[in-house]
Amino acid sequence: MTTHAEEEMSYDGLSIYDVENALLHGRIAEHQRDRETRERKYVVKGPTTSQREQAFVAVKFGPTGKLVILTIYADTQEEE
């Protein structure tokens, strides 16, 4: 997890368990490609542990094949 991801997670009041839950129970909401490095990035949207809100987790696979969490943020918009 990057420092930026930790800061954003804290700012939005999310925990590491929210990140884990979103990754385990979410779906890829968006595919991205870095303009400079051409690396593939993915945005996963999934439920937080409270199930009241969704979290977005931006990830990529690092050079060793491990998943790197780039950032996370909560979707606090109420569904109608």
PDB file of N, CA and C in Angstrom:
ATOM      1  N   MET A   1       0.856  -1.170   0.000  1.00  0.00           N
ATOM      2  CA  MET A   1       0.000   0.000   0.000  1.00  0.00           C
ATOM      3  C   MET A   1       0.903   1.235   0.000  1.00  0.00           C
ATOM      4  N   THR A   2       0.593   2.169  -0.890  1.00  0.00           N
ATOM      5  CA  THR A   2       1.389   3.388  -0.957  1.00  0.00           C
ATOM      6  C   THR A   2       1.036   4.317   0.205  1.00  0.00           C
ATOM      7  N   THR A   3       1.936   5.247   0.478  1.00  0.00           N
ATOM      8  CA  THR A   3       1.686   6.255   1.502  1.00  0.00           C
ATOM      9  C   THR A   3       0.446   7.066   1.143  1.00  0.00           C
ATOM     10  N   HIS A   4       0.319   7.387  -0.130  1.00  0.00           N
ATOM     11  CA  HIS A   4      -0.859   8.137  -0.588  1.00  0.00           C
ATOM     12  C   HIS A   4      -2.137   7.370  -0.259  1.00  0.00           C
ATOM     13  N   ALA A   5      -2.152   6.066  -0.491  1.00  0.00           N
ATOM     14  CA  ALA A   5      -3.339   5.248  -0.206  1.00  0.00           C
ATOM     15  C   ALA A   5      -3.651   5.258   1.286  1.00  0.00           C
ATOM     16  N   GLU A   6      -2.623   5.162   2.121  1.00  0.00           N
ATOM     17  CA  GLU A   6      -2.836   5.195   3.565  1.00  0.00           C
ATOM     18  C   GLU A   6      -3.430   6.525   4.007  1.00  0.00           C
ATOM     19  N   GLU A   7      -2.928   7.625   3.442  1.00  0.00           N
ATOM     20  CA  GLU A   7      -3.437   8.954   3.783  1.00  0.00           C
ATOM     21  C   GLU A   7      -4.897   9.102   3.358  1.00  0.00           C
ATOM     22  N   GLU A   8      -5.223   8.685   2.145  1.00  0.00           N
ATOM     23  CA  GLU A   8      -6.594   8.799   1.644  1.00  0.00           C
ATOM     24  C   GLU A   8      -7.549   7.903   2.432  1.00  0.00           C
ATOM     25  N   MET A   9      -7.080   6.710   2.783  1.00  0.00           N
ATOM     26  CA  MET A   9      -7.892   5.786   3.565  1.00  0.00           C
ATOM     27  C   MET A   9      -8.246   6.433   4.906  1.00  0.00           C
ATOM     28  N   SER A  10      -7.274   7.010   5.551  1.00  0.00           N
ATOM     29  CA  SER A  10      -7.488   7.674   6.837  1.00  0.00           C
ATOM     30  C   SER A  10      -8.404   8.888   6.682  1.00  0.00           C
ATOM     31  N   TYR A  11      -8.171   9.673   5.647  1.00  0.00           N
ATOM     32  CA  TYR A  11      -8.961  10.878   5.397  1.00  0.00           C
ATOM     33  C   TYR A  11     -10.447  10.552   5.227  1.00  0.00           C
ATOM     34  N   ASP A  12     -10.739   9.431   4.558  1.00  0.00           N
ATOM     35  CA  ASP A  12     -12.131   9.038   4.321  1.00  0.00           C
ATOM     36  C   ASP A  12     -12.703   8.172   5.443  1.00  0.00           C
ATOM     37  N   GLY A  13     -11.930   7.965   6.510  1.00  0.00           N
ATOM     38  CA  GLY A  13     -12.419   7.186   7.648  1.00  0.00           C
ATOM     39  C   GLY A  13     -12.552   5.712   7.360  1.00  0.00           C
ATOM     40  N   LEU A  14     -11.731   5.195   6.457  1.00  0.00           N
ATOM     41  CA  LEU A  14     -11.770   3.780   6.100  1.00  0.00           C
ATOM     42  C   LEU A  14     -10.654   3.034   6.830  1.00  0.00           C
ATOM     43  N   SER A  15     -10.816   1.742   6.954  1.00  0.00           N
ATOM     44  CA  SER A  15      -9.799   0.905   7.596  1.00  0.00           C
ATOM     45  C   SER A  15      -9.220  -0.075   6.578  1.00  0.00           C
ATOM     46  N   ILE A  16      -8.165  -0.749   6.971  1.00  0.00           N
ATOM     47  CA  ILE A  16      -7.569  -1.766   6.104  1.00  0.00           C
ATOM     48  C   ILE A  16      -8.577  -2.891   5.851  1.00  0.00           C
ATOM     49  N   TYR A  17      -9.493  -3.107   6.793  1.00  0.00           N
ATOM     50  CA  TYR A  17     -10.527  -4.128   6.609  1.00  0.00           C
ATOM     51  C   TYR A  17     -11.525  -3.711   5.523  1.00  0.00           C
ATOM     52  N   ASP A  18     -11.773  -2.409   5.412  1.00  0.00           N
ATOM     53  CA  ASP A  18     -12.630  -1.915   4.329  1.00  0.00           C
ATOM     54  C   ASP A  18     -11.971  -2.152   2.974  1.00  0.00           C
ATOM     55  N   VAL A  19     -10.661  -1.917   2.902  1.00  0.00           N
ATOM     56  CA  VAL A  19      -9.912  -2.150   1.661  1.00  0.00           C
ATOM     57  C   VAL A  19      -9.982  -3.630   1.296  1.00  0.00           C
ATOM     58  N   GLU A  20      -9.712  -4.475   2.264  1.00  0.00           N
ATOM     59  CA  GLU A  20      -9.737  -5.918   2.032  1.00  0.00           C
ATOM     60  C   GLU A  20     -11.129  -6.373   1.580  1.00  0.00           C
ATOM     61  N   ASN A  21     -12.159  -5.901   2.255  1.00  0.00           N
ATOM     62  CA  ASN A  21     -13.527  -6.290   1.913  1.00  0.00           C
ATOM     63  C   ASN A  21     -13.892  -5.845   0.501  1.00  0.00           C
ATOM     64  N   ALA A  22     -13.518  -4.610   0.152  1.00  0.00           N
ATOM     65  CA  ALA A  22     -13.808  -4.095  -1.192  1.00  0.00           C
ATOM     66  C   ALA A  22     -13.102  -4.929  -2.262  1.00  0.00           C
ATOM     67  N   LEU A  23     -11.856  -5.297  -2.005  1.00  0.00           N
ATOM     68  CA  LEU A  23     -11.117  -6.090  -2.993  1.00  0.00           C
ATOM     69  C   LEU A  23     -11.661  -7.508  -3.104  1.00  0.00           C
ATOM     70  N   LEU A  24     -12.043  -8.094  -1.987  1.00  0.00           N
ATOM     71  CA  LEU A  24     -12.526  -9.475  -2.002  1.00  0.00           C
ATOM     72  C   LEU A  24     -13.940  -9.615  -2.565  1.00  0.00           C
ATOM     73  N   HIS A  25     -14.776  -8.595  -2.343  1.00  0.00           N
ATOM     74  CA  HIS A  25     -16.187  -8.710  -2.724  1.00  0.00           C
ATOM     75  C   HIS A  25     -16.612  -7.742  -3.824  1.00  0.00           C
ATOM     76  N   GLY A  26     -15.669  -6.959  -4.326  1.00  0.00           N
ATOM     77  CA  GLY A  26     -15.994  -5.977  -5.353  1.00  0.00           C
ATOM     78  C   GLY A  26     -15.750  -6.486  -6.761  1.00  0.00           C
ATOM     79  N   ARG A  27     -15.898  -5.571  -7.683  1.00  0.00           N
ATOM     80  CA  ARG A  27     -15.690  -5.863  -9.111  1.00  0.00           C
ATOM     81  C   ARG A  27     -14.838  -4.761  -9.721  1.00  0.00           C
ATOM     82  N   ILE A  28     -14.156  -5.094 -10.789  1.00  0.00           N
ATOM     83  CA  ILE A  28     -13.379  -4.085 -11.503  1.00  0.00           C
ATOM     84  C   ILE A  28     -14.359  -3.122 -12.153  1.00  0.00           C
ATOM     85  N   ALA A  29     -14.288  -1.853 -11.748  1.00  0.00           N
ATOM     86  CA  ALA A  29     -15.201  -0.839 -12.266  1.00  0.00           C
ATOM     87  C   ALA A  29     -14.581  -0.082 -13.435  1.00  0.00           C
ATOM     88  N   GLU A  30     -13.257  -0.100 -13.513  1.00  0.00           N
ATOM     89  CA  GLU A  30     -12.589   0.679 -14.550  1.00  0.00           C
ATOM     90  C   GLU A  30     -11.191   0.118 -14.810  1.00  0.00           C
ATOM     91  N   HIS A  31     -10.813   0.105 -16.089  1.00  0.00           N
ATOM     92  CA  HIS A  31      -9.455  -0.250 -16.506  1.00  0.00           C
ATOM     93  C   HIS A  31      -8.770   1.044 -16.917  1.00  0.00           C
ATOM     94  N   GLN A  32      -7.533   1.225 -16.500  1.00  0.00           N
ATOM     95  CA  GLN A  32      -6.784   2.425 -16.868  1.00  0.00           C
ATOM     96  C   GLN A  32      -5.403   2.012 -17.351  1.00  0.00           C
ATOM     97  N   ARG A  33      -4.763   2.931 -18.078  1.00  0.00           N
ATOM     98  CA  ARG A  33      -3.378   2.707 -18.488  1.00  0.00           C
ATOM     99  C   ARG A  33      -2.620   4.003 -18.230  1.00  0.00           C
ATOM    100  N   ASP A  34      -1.502   3.892 -17.513  1.00  0.00           N
ATOM    101  CA  ASP A  34      -0.681   5.062 -17.203  1.00  0.00           C
ATOM    102  C   ASP A  34      -0.133   5.657 -18.491  1.00  0.00           C
ATOM    103  N   ARG A  35      -0.263   6.960 -18.641  1.00  0.00           N
ATOM    104  CA  ARG A  35       0.166   7.622 -19.883  1.00  0.00           C
ATOM    105  C   ARG A  35       1.663   7.519 -20.115  1.00  0.00           C
ATOM    106  N   GLU A  36       2.443   7.624 -19.045  1.00  0.00           N
ATOM    107  CA  GLU A  36       3.902   7.615 -19.189  1.00  0.00           C
ATOM    108  C   GLU A  36       4.477   6.203 -19.238  1.00  0.00           C
ATOM    109  N   THR A  37       4.115   5.379 -18.263  1.00  0.00           N
ATOM    110  CA  THR A  37       4.718   4.048 -18.152  1.00  0.00           C
ATOM    111  C   THR A  37       3.962   2.968 -18.912  1.00  0.00           C
ATOM    112  N   ARG A  38       2.734   3.266 -19.312  1.00  0.00           N
ATOM    113  CA  ARG A  38       1.853   2.320 -19.996  1.00  0.00           C
ATOM    114  C   ARG A  38       1.443   1.141 -19.113  1.00  0.00           C
ATOM    115  N   GLU A  39       1.664   1.264 -17.788  1.00  0.00           N
ATOM    116  CA  GLU A  39       1.247   0.212 -16.871  1.00  0.00           C
ATOM    117  C   GLU A  39      -0.276   0.170 -16.784  1.00  0.00           C
ATOM    118  N   ARG A  40      -0.787  -1.027 -16.627  1.00  0.00           N
ATOM    119  CA  ARG A  40      -2.225  -1.193 -16.454  1.00  0.00           C
ATOM    120  C   ARG A  40      -2.576  -0.963 -14.990  1.00  0.00           C
ATOM    121  N   LYS A  41      -3.681  -0.238 -14.773  1.00  0.00           N
ATOM    122  CA  LYS A  41      -4.209  -0.002 -13.439  1.00  0.00           C
ATOM    123  C   LYS A  41      -5.685  -0.355 -13.456  1.00  0.00           C
ATOM    124  N   TYR A  42      -6.184  -0.716 -12.302  1.00  0.00           N
ATOM    125  CA  TYR A  42      -7.578  -1.128 -12.181  1.00  0.00           C
ATOM    126  C   TYR A  42      -8.208  -0.409 -11.000  1.00  0.00           C
ATOM    127  N   VAL A  43      -9.477  -0.044 -11.153  1.00  0.00           N
ATOM    128  CA  VAL A  43     -10.240   0.533 -10.056  1.00  0.00           C
ATOM    129  C   VAL A  43     -11.311  -0.490  -9.687  1.00  0.00           C
ATOM    130  N   VAL A  44     -11.229  -0.971  -8.460  1.00  0.00           N
ATOM    131  CA  VAL A  44     -12.178  -1.956  -7.951  1.00  0.00           C
ATOM    132  C   VAL A  44     -13.184  -1.226  -7.071  1.00  0.00           C
ATOM    133  N   LYS A  45     -14.463  -1.480  -7.311  1.00  0.00           N
ATOM    134  CA  LYS A  45     -15.529  -0.912  -6.484  1.00  0.00           C
ATOM    135  C   LYS A  45     -16.152  -2.047  -5.692  1.00  0.00           C
ATOM    136  N   GLY A  46     -16.173  -1.871  -4.376  1.00  0.00           N
ATOM    137  CA  GLY A  46     -16.727  -2.923  -3.538  1.00  0.00           C
ATOM    138  C   GLY A  46     -17.243  -2.387  -2.224  1.00  0.00           C
ATOM    139  N   PRO A  47     -17.952  -3.217  -1.482  1.00  0.00           N
ATOM    140  CA  PRO A  47     -18.556  -2.777  -0.225  1.00  0.00           C
ATOM    141  C   PRO A  47     -17.520  -2.640   0.889  1.00  0.00           C
ATOM    142  N   THR A  48     -17.769  -1.683   1.776  1.00  0.00           N
ATOM    143  CA  THR A  48     -16.962  -1.574   2.988  1.00  0.00           C
ATOM    144  C   THR A  48     -17.480  -2.595   3.995  1.00  0.00           C
ATOM    145  N   THR A  49     -16.809  -2.719   5.115  1.00  0.00           N
ATOM    146  CA  THR A  49     -17.249  -3.694   6.114  1.00  0.00           C
ATOM    147  C   THR A  49     -18.602  -3.333   6.707  1.00  0.00           C
ATOM    148  N   SER A  50     -18.941  -2.047   6.732  1.00  0.00           N
ATOM    149  CA  SER A  50     -20.240  -1.631   7.273  1.00  0.00           C
ATOM    150  C   SER A  50     -21.372  -1.865   6.278  1.00  0.00           C
ATOM    151  N   GLN A  51     -21.029  -2.107   5.008  1.00  0.00           N
ATOM    152  CA  GLN A  51     -22.006  -2.325   3.939  1.00  0.00           C
ATOM    153  C   GLN A  51     -22.845  -1.086   3.637  1.00  0.00           C
ATOM    154  N   ARG A  52     -22.566   0.047   4.292  1.00  0.00           N
ATOM    155  CA  ARG A  52     -23.344   1.265   4.070  1.00  0.00           C
ATOM    156  C   ARG A  52     -22.835   2.079   2.896  1.00  0.00           C
ATOM    157  N   GLU A  53     -21.565   1.911   2.596  1.00  0.00           N
ATOM    158  CA  GLU A  53     -20.989   2.670   1.495  1.00  0.00           C
ATOM    159  C   GLU A  53     -20.074   1.775   0.676  1.00  0.00           C
ATOM    160  N   GLN A  54     -19.760   2.244  -0.510  1.00  0.00           N
ATOM    161  CA  GLN A  54     -18.849   1.536  -1.394  1.00  0.00           C
ATOM    162  C   GLN A  54     -17.485   2.206  -1.312  1.00  0.00           C
ATOM    163  N   ALA A  55     -16.459   1.429  -1.553  1.00  0.00           N
ATOM    164  CA  ALA A  55     -15.103   1.970  -1.601  1.00  0.00           C
ATOM    165  C   ALA A  55     -14.540   1.702  -2.987  1.00  0.00           C
ATOM    166  N   PHE A  56     -13.733   2.630  -3.460  1.00  0.00           N
ATOM    167  CA  PHE A  56     -13.015   2.464  -4.708  1.00  0.00           C
ATOM    168  C   PHE A  56     -11.550   2.269  -4.359  1.00  0.00           C
ATOM    169  N   VAL A  57     -10.946   1.219  -4.890  1.00  0.00           N
ATOM    170  CA  VAL A  57      -9.547   0.924  -4.612  1.00  0.00           C
ATOM    171  C   VAL A  57      -8.816   0.856  -5.954  1.00  0.00           C
ATOM    172  N   ALA A  58      -7.856   1.762  -6.157  1.00  0.00           N
ATOM    173  CA  ALA A  58      -7.054   1.764  -7.384  1.00  0.00           C
ATOM    174  C   ALA A  58      -5.805   0.923  -7.131  1.00  0.00           C
ATOM    175  N   VAL A  59      -5.575  -0.054  -7.997  1.00  0.00           N
ATOM    176  CA  VAL A  59      -4.462  -0.992  -7.818  1.00  0.00           C
ATOM    177  C   VAL A  59      -3.721  -1.226  -9.132  1.00  0.00           C
ATOM    178  N   LYS A  60      -2.524  -1.772  -9.000  1.00  0.00           N
ATOM    179  CA  LYS A  60      -1.760  -2.249 -10.150  1.00  0.00           C
ATOM    180  C   LYS A  60      -0.907  -3.407  -9.673  1.00  0.00           C
ATOM    181  N   PHE A  61      -0.373  -4.165 -10.614  1.00  0.00           N
ATOM    182  CA  PHE A  61       0.561  -5.216 -10.275  1.00  0.00           C
ATOM    183  C   PHE A  61       1.964  -4.659 -10.408  1.00  0.00           C
ATOM    184  N   GLY A  62       2.756  -4.803  -9.333  1.00  0.00           N
ATOM    185  CA  GLY A  62       4.122  -4.303  -9.323  1.00  0.00           C
ATOM    186  C   GLY A  62       5.047  -5.204 -10.118  1.00  0.00           C
ATOM    187  N   PRO A  63       6.323  -4.827 -10.218  1.00  0.00           N
ATOM    188  CA  PRO A  63       7.282  -5.600 -11.009  1.00  0.00           C
ATOM    189  C   PRO A  63       7.503  -7.020 -10.493  1.00  0.00           C
ATOM    190  N   THR A  64       7.202  -7.262  -9.220  1.00  0.00           N
ATOM    191  CA  THR A  64       7.359  -8.611  -8.667  1.00  0.00           C
ATOM    192  C   THR A  64       6.076  -9.430  -8.770  1.00  0.00           C
ATOM    193  N   GLY A  65       5.025  -8.823  -9.350  1.00  0.00           N
ATOM    194  CA  GLY A  65       3.754  -9.517  -9.493  1.00  0.00           C
ATOM    195  C   GLY A  65       2.821  -9.337  -8.321  1.00  0.00           C
ATOM    196  N   LYS A  66       3.259  -8.601  -7.299  1.00  0.00           N
ATOM    197  CA  LYS A  66       2.398  -8.356  -6.144  1.00  0.00           C
ATOM    198  C   LYS A  66       1.479  -7.177  -6.419  1.00  0.00           C
ATOM    199  N   LEU A  67       0.296  -7.220  -5.805  1.00  0.00           N
ATOM    200  CA  LEU A  67      -0.683  -6.160  -5.970  1.00  0.00           C
ATOM    201  C   LEU A  67      -0.260  -4.937  -5.157  1.00  0.00           C
ATOM    202  N   VAL A  68      -0.261  -3.775  -5.799  1.00  0.00           N
ATOM    203  CA  VAL A  68       0.074  -2.524  -5.142  1.00  0.00           C
ATOM    204  C   VAL A  68      -1.199  -1.684  -5.060  1.00  0.00           C
ATOM    205  N   ILE A  69      -1.562  -1.271  -3.854  1.00  0.00           N
ATOM    206  CA  ILE A  69      -2.729  -0.420  -3.658  1.00  0.00           C
ATOM    207  C   ILE A  69      -2.279   1.016  -3.795  1.00  0.00           C
ATOM    208  N   LEU A  70      -2.784   1.702  -4.825  1.00  0.00           N
ATOM    209  CA  LEU A  70      -2.351   3.062  -5.139  1.00  0.00           C
ATOM    210  C   LEU A  70      -3.129   4.109  -4.365  1.00  0.00           C
ATOM    211  N   THR A  71      -4.437   3.935  -4.279  1.00  0.00           N
ATOM    212  CA  THR A  71      -5.278   4.860  -3.522  1.00  0.00           C
ATOM    213  C   THR A  71      -6.608   4.196  -3.222  1.00  0.00           C
ATOM    214  N   ILE A  72      -7.323   4.766  -2.281  1.00  0.00           N
ATOM    215  CA  ILE A  72      -8.655   4.280  -1.917  1.00  0.00           C
ATOM    216  C   ILE A  72      -9.494   5.475  -1.511  1.00  0.00           C
ATOM    217  N   TYR A  73     -10.767   5.411  -1.865  1.00  0.00           N
ATOM    218  CA  TYR A  73     -11.671   6.486  -1.440  1.00  0.00           C
ATOM    219  C   TYR A  73     -13.081   5.917  -1.328  1.00  0.00           C
ATOM    220  N   ALA A  74     -13.865   6.551  -0.471  1.00  0.00           N
ATOM    221  CA  ALA A  74     -15.232   6.117  -0.227  1.00  0.00           C
ATOM    222  C   ALA A  74     -16.184   6.805  -1.179  1.00  0.00           C
ATOM    223  N   ASP A  75     -17.171   6.070  -1.635  1.00  0.00           N
ATOM    224  CA  ASP A  75     -18.274   6.630  -2.410  1.00  0.00           C
ATOM    225  C   ASP A  75     -19.402   6.849  -1.423  1.00  0.00           C
ATOM    226  N   THR A  76     -19.543   8.083  -0.986  1.00  0.00           N
ATOM    227  CA  THR A  76     -20.521   8.380   0.062  1.00  0.00           C
ATOM    228  C   THR A  76     -21.844   8.873  -0.491  1.00  0.00           C
ATOM    229  N   GLN A  77     -22.045   8.799  -1.799  1.00  0.00           N
ATOM    230  CA  GLN A  77     -23.309   9.244  -2.385  1.00  0.00           C
ATOM    231  C   GLN A  77     -24.401   8.261  -2.017  1.00  0.00           C
ATOM    232  N   GLU A  78     -25.498   8.791  -1.590  1.00  0.00           N
ATOM    233  CA  GLU A  78     -26.656   7.973  -1.238  1.00  0.00           C
ATOM    234  C   GLU A  78     -27.364   7.496  -2.486  1.00  0.00           C
ATOM    235  N   GLU A  79     -27.753   6.221  -2.512  1.00  0.00           N
ATOM    236  CA  GLU A  79     -28.543   5.708  -3.631  1.00  0.00           C
ATOM    237  C   GLU A  79     -30.002   6.033  -3.377  1.00  0.00           C
ATOM    238  N   GLU A  80     -30.720   6.387  -4.441  1.00  0.00           N
ATOM    239  CA  GLU A  80     -32.137   6.744  -4.298  1.00  0.00           C
ATOM    240  C   GLU A  80     -33.028   5.578  -4.608  1.00  0.00           C
TER     241      GLU A  80
END
